[in-house]
Amino acid sequence: MCYGTRVVKKAKELELFYNVERLYGQMKPDAELTYNYANGFSHPNMWIIPQEKPKNMIPVMWGLIPQYKKGSDVKTYYQETIRYGSGLNARSEKLFDSSQYKPSALTRRCIIPVDGFYEPHTAKKNGKDFKIPFYFSRKDDLPFNLAGIYAITPDKMVTFTILTKEATPLFAKIHNRKNRRPVILTDDDIDVWLDNSLTQNDVFNVIDDDLADTSINAHPISKDLYKRNGEGDRPDIIDEISYPELEITY
């Protein structure tokens, strides 16, 4: 599951790439929202491009709160749902079945621009499971267009989640316990994903036709990513690290 991302491109770079204009809401107008490691469980604000304002990017909290919950209960909701991922990811297969996702599936889709993201690989060390973090990025160094949905609570709090799907071969090899991957839109499908005319079948067709494994780099990085003192939020955290326990090619 995608619980950690990296966003280092400045807001102006994202505006130019996506041909959008940022809206700050209640944030300071010089806010950049950049992270070497954005840990989803800290529920950071990140830029999204929303279907309802496709020519803008807006700051939104990561961790979907259903439209029928109050935003004032956000801490309690995240604590109660932590075992299920605190709204950070949503299974795309359930988009039109879940009461949490269905209200957003046709009218509140979004794109989450990130430079990369982190997933764990489970290896064996002395007969015990050993987690090795991997960093994923695009081979052309352009932003990943992560597909998501967002919701607005009765008290007008906006939150988003990243959609996931069954793992493709690269992800099945690396993210080998969960066997999932984020839905990564191709550049050609950016405008399509935000189109109000999409039907349920259209939505699933876009998800099925997302970015190919051949366009993605992945390599192991330092276990410092998992330290609780924030040591993973540093520029060199994405440097490749060699692990003797690692028995796969990537």
Protein backbone atom coordinates (compact mmCIF):
# COMPACT_ATOMS: atom_id res chain seq x y z
CA MET A 1 0.00 0.00 0.00
CA CYS A 2 1.18 3.55 -0.65
CA TYR A 3 1.74 5.14 2.76
CA GLY A 4 4.80 7.27 1.99
CA THR A 5 5.52 9.74 -0.82
CA ARG A 6 8.22 12.19 -1.91
CA VAL A 7 7.36 15.63 -3.29
CA VAL A 8 10.33 17.90 -4.03
CA LYS A 9 9.22 19.82 -7.11
CA LYS A 10 8.22 23.35 -6.21
CA ALA A 11 4.64 24.52 -6.64
CA LYS A 12 5.59 26.61 -9.69
CA GLU A 13 7.07 23.55 -11.43
CA LEU A 14 3.86 21.62 -10.83
CA GLU A 15 1.76 24.53 -12.09
CA LEU A 16 3.74 24.59 -15.33
CA PHE A 17 3.69 20.83 -15.83
CA TYR A 18 -0.04 20.46 -15.24
CA ASN A 19 -1.05 23.88 -16.63
CA VAL A 20 -2.89 24.75 -13.42
CA GLU A 21 -2.88 27.57 -10.88
CA ARG A 22 -2.49 26.96 -7.17
CA LEU A 23 -5.10 28.04 -4.65
CA TYR A 24 -3.91 28.32 -1.06
CA GLY A 25 -7.14 28.37 0.92
CA GLN A 26 -6.13 29.05 4.53
CA MET A 27 -2.44 28.31 3.91
CA LYS A 28 0.27 30.94 3.64
CA PRO A 29 0.80 32.03 0.02
CA ASP A 30 4.46 30.97 0.07
CA ALA A 31 3.78 27.40 1.20
CA GLU A 32 5.51 24.79 -0.97
CA LEU A 33 4.30 21.47 0.50
CA THR A 34 7.55 19.68 -0.30
CA TYR A 35 8.69 16.55 1.53
CA ASN A 36 11.61 14.17 1.14
CA TYR A 37 9.42 11.70 2.99
CA ALA A 38 5.76 12.47 3.57
CA ASN A 39 4.61 9.83 6.06
CA GLY A 40 0.93 9.32 5.40
CA PHE A 41 0.18 8.53 9.04
CA SER A 42 1.16 12.09 9.96
CA HIS A 43 -1.62 13.17 7.53
CA PRO A 44 0.26 15.97 5.74
CA ASN A 45 -1.32 18.51 3.43
CA MET A 46 -0.44 17.77 -0.19
CA TRP A 47 -1.31 19.32 -3.53
CA ILE A 48 -4.14 17.71 -5.45
CA ILE A 49 -5.81 18.62 -8.73
CA PRO A 50 -9.55 18.15 -8.09
CA GLN A 51 -12.21 17.22 -10.61
CA GLU A 52 -14.38 20.13 -9.46
CA LYS A 53 -11.55 22.62 -10.13
CA PRO A 54 -9.40 20.94 -12.81
CA LYS A 55 -7.51 24.14 -13.62
CA ASN A 56 -6.31 24.53 -10.04
CA MET A 57 -4.27 22.63 -7.51
CA ILE A 58 -5.26 22.90 -3.87
CA PRO A 59 -3.77 21.83 -0.52
CA VAL A 60 -5.67 18.90 0.98
CA MET A 61 -5.07 16.59 3.94
CA TRP A 62 -4.04 13.03 3.11
CA GLY A 63 -6.39 10.50 4.71
CA LEU A 64 -9.96 10.29 3.44
CA ILE A 65 -12.71 11.09 5.92
CA PRO A 66 -16.09 9.97 4.51
CA GLN A 67 -18.53 12.69 3.52
CA TYR A 68 -20.91 11.62 6.32
CA LYS A 69 -18.31 12.15 9.11
CA LYS A 70 -17.48 15.48 10.75
CA GLY A 71 -14.05 16.94 10.15
CA SER A 72 -13.94 18.04 13.77
CA ASP A 73 -13.62 14.34 14.69
CA VAL A 74 -10.55 13.87 12.48
CA LYS A 75 -8.10 12.69 15.19
CA THR A 76 -10.56 10.19 16.60
CA TYR A 77 -11.42 8.88 13.13
CA TYR A 78 -7.76 8.36 12.17
CA GLN A 79 -7.02 6.60 15.46
CA GLU A 80 -10.02 4.31 15.15
CA THR A 81 -9.19 3.38 11.56
CA ILE A 82 -5.41 3.06 11.80
CA ARG A 83 -5.57 -0.72 11.44
CA TYR A 84 -7.26 -0.16 8.08
CA GLY A 85 -4.80 2.51 6.92
CA SER A 86 -6.53 5.66 8.24
CA GLY A 87 -8.00 6.51 4.87
CA LEU A 88 -4.61 6.81 3.12
CA ASN A 89 -5.44 4.27 0.39
CA ALA A 90 -8.64 3.01 -1.23
CA ARG A 91 -9.04 -0.18 -3.23
CA SER A 92 -10.08 0.89 -6.72
CA GLU A 93 -12.05 -2.35 -7.10
CA LYS A 94 -14.46 -1.05 -4.41
CA LEU A 95 -14.94 2.44 -5.83
CA PHE A 96 -18.59 1.91 -6.72
CA ASP A 97 -19.46 -0.50 -3.90
CA SER A 98 -18.19 1.19 -0.74
CA SER A 99 -20.31 3.82 1.02
CA GLN A 100 -17.06 5.70 1.72
CA TYR A 101 -15.93 5.87 -1.92
CA LYS A 102 -19.02 5.72 -4.13
CA PRO A 103 -20.14 9.36 -3.54
CA SER A 104 -16.76 10.54 -4.88
CA ALA A 105 -16.19 8.00 -7.65
CA LEU A 106 -17.91 9.96 -10.44
CA THR A 107 -17.67 13.56 -9.25
CA ARG A 108 -14.68 13.93 -6.92
CA ARG A 109 -11.73 12.23 -8.50
CA CYS A 110 -8.33 13.87 -8.25
CA ILE A 111 -4.68 13.69 -9.23
CA ILE A 112 -1.94 13.73 -6.60
CA PRO A 113 1.41 14.84 -8.11
CA VAL A 114 4.44 13.25 -6.45
CA ASP A 115 8.09 12.77 -7.41
CA GLY A 116 8.11 9.26 -6.00
CA PHE A 117 6.82 6.93 -3.33
CA TYR A 118 8.04 4.24 -0.96
CA GLU A 119 7.01 0.59 -0.57
CA PRO A 120 8.42 -2.21 1.60
CA HIS A 121 9.90 -5.50 0.40
CA THR A 122 9.84 -8.44 2.80
CA ALA A 123 13.04 -10.53 2.81
CA LYS A 124 14.35 -13.12 5.27
CA LYS A 125 17.17 -12.55 7.78
CA ASN A 126 18.11 -15.33 10.21
CA GLY A 127 14.79 -16.97 9.44
CA LYS A 128 12.76 -13.90 10.30
CA ASP A 129 10.97 -11.38 8.13
CA PHE A 130 13.08 -8.34 7.33
CA LYS A 131 11.58 -5.24 5.69
CA ILE A 132 13.62 -3.37 3.09
CA PRO A 133 12.24 -0.02 1.88
CA PHE A 134 12.20 0.64 -1.87
CA TYR A 135 11.89 3.98 -3.63
CA PHE A 136 9.90 4.23 -6.87
CA SER A 137 10.27 7.04 -9.42
CA ARG A 138 9.62 7.69 -13.09
CA LYS A 139 12.50 6.97 -15.45
CA ASP A 140 11.95 10.32 -17.17
CA ASP A 141 12.00 12.18 -13.79
CA LEU A 142 8.53 13.64 -14.40
CA PRO A 143 5.91 13.58 -11.63
CA PHE A 144 3.85 10.51 -10.98
CA ASN A 145 0.16 11.27 -11.53
CA LEU A 146 -1.35 9.26 -8.68
CA ALA A 147 -5.08 8.70 -9.04
CA GLY A 148 -7.23 9.52 -6.05
CA ILE A 149 -10.61 10.59 -4.80
CA TYR A 150 -11.52 13.27 -2.27
CA ALA A 151 -14.46 13.91 0.03
CA ILE A 152 -15.97 16.95 1.73
CA THR A 153 -17.41 16.56 5.22
CA PRO A 154 -20.60 18.34 6.39
CA ASP A 155 -18.37 20.93 8.10
CA LYS A 156 -16.45 21.49 4.82
CA MET A 157 -13.21 19.65 5.58
CA VAL A 158 -11.60 18.23 2.43
CA THR A 159 -9.48 15.06 2.52
CA PHE A 160 -8.17 12.66 -0.13
CA THR A 161 -7.01 9.09 -0.59
CA ILE A 162 -4.76 7.34 -3.12
CA LEU A 163 -6.31 4.57 -5.19
CA THR A 164 -4.61 1.17 -5.38
CA LYS A 165 -5.01 -1.86 -7.61
CA GLU A 166 -3.69 -5.40 -7.93
CA ALA A 167 0.09 -5.48 -8.30
CA THR A 168 1.69 -5.59 -11.73
CA PRO A 169 4.84 -7.79 -12.04
CA LEU A 170 7.30 -5.15 -10.77
CA PHE A 171 5.21 -4.43 -7.70
CA ALA A 172 4.39 -8.09 -7.04
CA LYS A 173 8.14 -8.76 -6.87
CA ILE A 174 8.99 -5.83 -4.59
CA HIS A 175 5.80 -5.16 -2.60
CA ASN A 176 5.57 -8.90 -2.11
CA ARG A 177 3.29 -9.21 0.92
CA LYS A 178 0.45 -6.85 0.06
CA ASN A 179 0.67 -7.39 -3.72
CA ARG A 180 -0.82 -3.97 -4.46
CA ARG A 181 0.32 -0.86 -6.33
CA PRO A 182 -0.94 2.71 -6.53
CA VAL A 183 -2.94 3.65 -9.61
CA ILE A 184 -0.55 5.82 -11.64
CA LEU A 185 -2.17 7.69 -14.51
CA THR A 186 -0.40 8.15 -17.81
CA ASP A 187 0.16 11.74 -18.87
CA ASP A 188 -2.38 11.25 -21.66
CA ASP A 189 -5.05 10.35 -19.10
CA ILE A 190 -4.63 13.38 -16.82
CA ASP A 191 -7.46 15.32 -18.45
CA VAL A 192 -9.48 12.15 -18.99
CA TRP A 193 -9.45 11.28 -15.28
CA LEU A 194 -10.87 14.71 -14.41
CA ASP A 195 -13.56 14.62 -17.11
CA ASN A 196 -17.08 14.92 -15.69
CA SER A 197 -18.56 12.73 -18.43
CA LEU A 198 -16.83 9.48 -17.40
CA THR A 199 -19.05 6.50 -16.70
CA GLN A 200 -18.27 3.72 -14.26
CA ASN A 201 -16.81 1.62 -17.08
CA ASP A 202 -14.72 4.57 -18.26
CA VAL A 203 -13.24 5.00 -14.78
CA PHE A 204 -12.19 1.35 -14.64
CA ASN A 205 -10.75 1.54 -18.17
CA VAL A 206 -8.49 4.42 -17.15
CA ILE A 207 -7.39 2.52 -14.03
CA ASP A 208 -6.61 -0.59 -16.10
CA ASP A 209 -4.55 1.46 -18.57
CA ASP A 210 -2.25 3.15 -16.06
CA LEU A 211 1.54 3.68 -16.26
CA ALA A 212 3.52 0.62 -17.34
CA ASP A 213 6.20 -0.99 -15.17
CA THR A 214 8.72 -0.28 -17.92
CA SER A 215 8.42 3.46 -17.18
CA ILE A 216 9.24 3.04 -13.49
CA ASN A 217 12.54 2.81 -11.58
CA ALA A 218 12.75 1.09 -8.21
CA HIS A 219 15.68 0.48 -5.85
CA PRO A 220 16.30 -0.32 -2.16
CA ILE A 221 17.10 2.52 0.25
CA SER A 222 18.11 3.05 3.88
CA LYS A 223 16.02 1.60 6.71
CA ASP A 224 16.28 5.06 8.27
CA LEU A 225 13.03 5.69 6.42
CA TYR A 226 11.27 3.77 9.19
CA LYS A 227 12.81 5.62 12.14
CA ARG A 228 10.31 7.49 14.29
CA ASN A 229 12.55 10.53 14.85
CA GLY A 230 11.96 11.88 11.36
CA GLU A 231 15.41 10.85 10.14
CA GLY A 232 13.91 9.60 6.91
CA ASP A 233 12.86 13.10 5.84
CA ARG A 234 16.18 14.05 4.27
CA PRO A 235 17.35 14.48 0.64
CA ASP A 236 19.67 11.47 0.54
CA ILE A 237 17.06 9.04 1.85
CA ILE A 238 16.44 7.93 -1.77
CA ASP A 239 20.10 6.89 -2.31
CA GLU A 240 20.42 3.24 -3.27
CA ILE A 241 21.58 0.85 -0.54
CA SER A 242 22.82 -2.72 -1.01
CA TYR A 243 21.37 -5.48 1.18
CA PRO A 244 22.90 -9.00 1.23
CA GLU A 245 19.47 -10.37 2.21
CA LEU A 246 17.90 -9.12 -1.01
CA GLU A 247 17.40 -11.98 -3.47
CA ILE A 248 15.50 -10.23 -6.26
CA THR A 249 16.53 -8.23 -9.29
CA TYR A 250 14.84 -4.89 -9.96
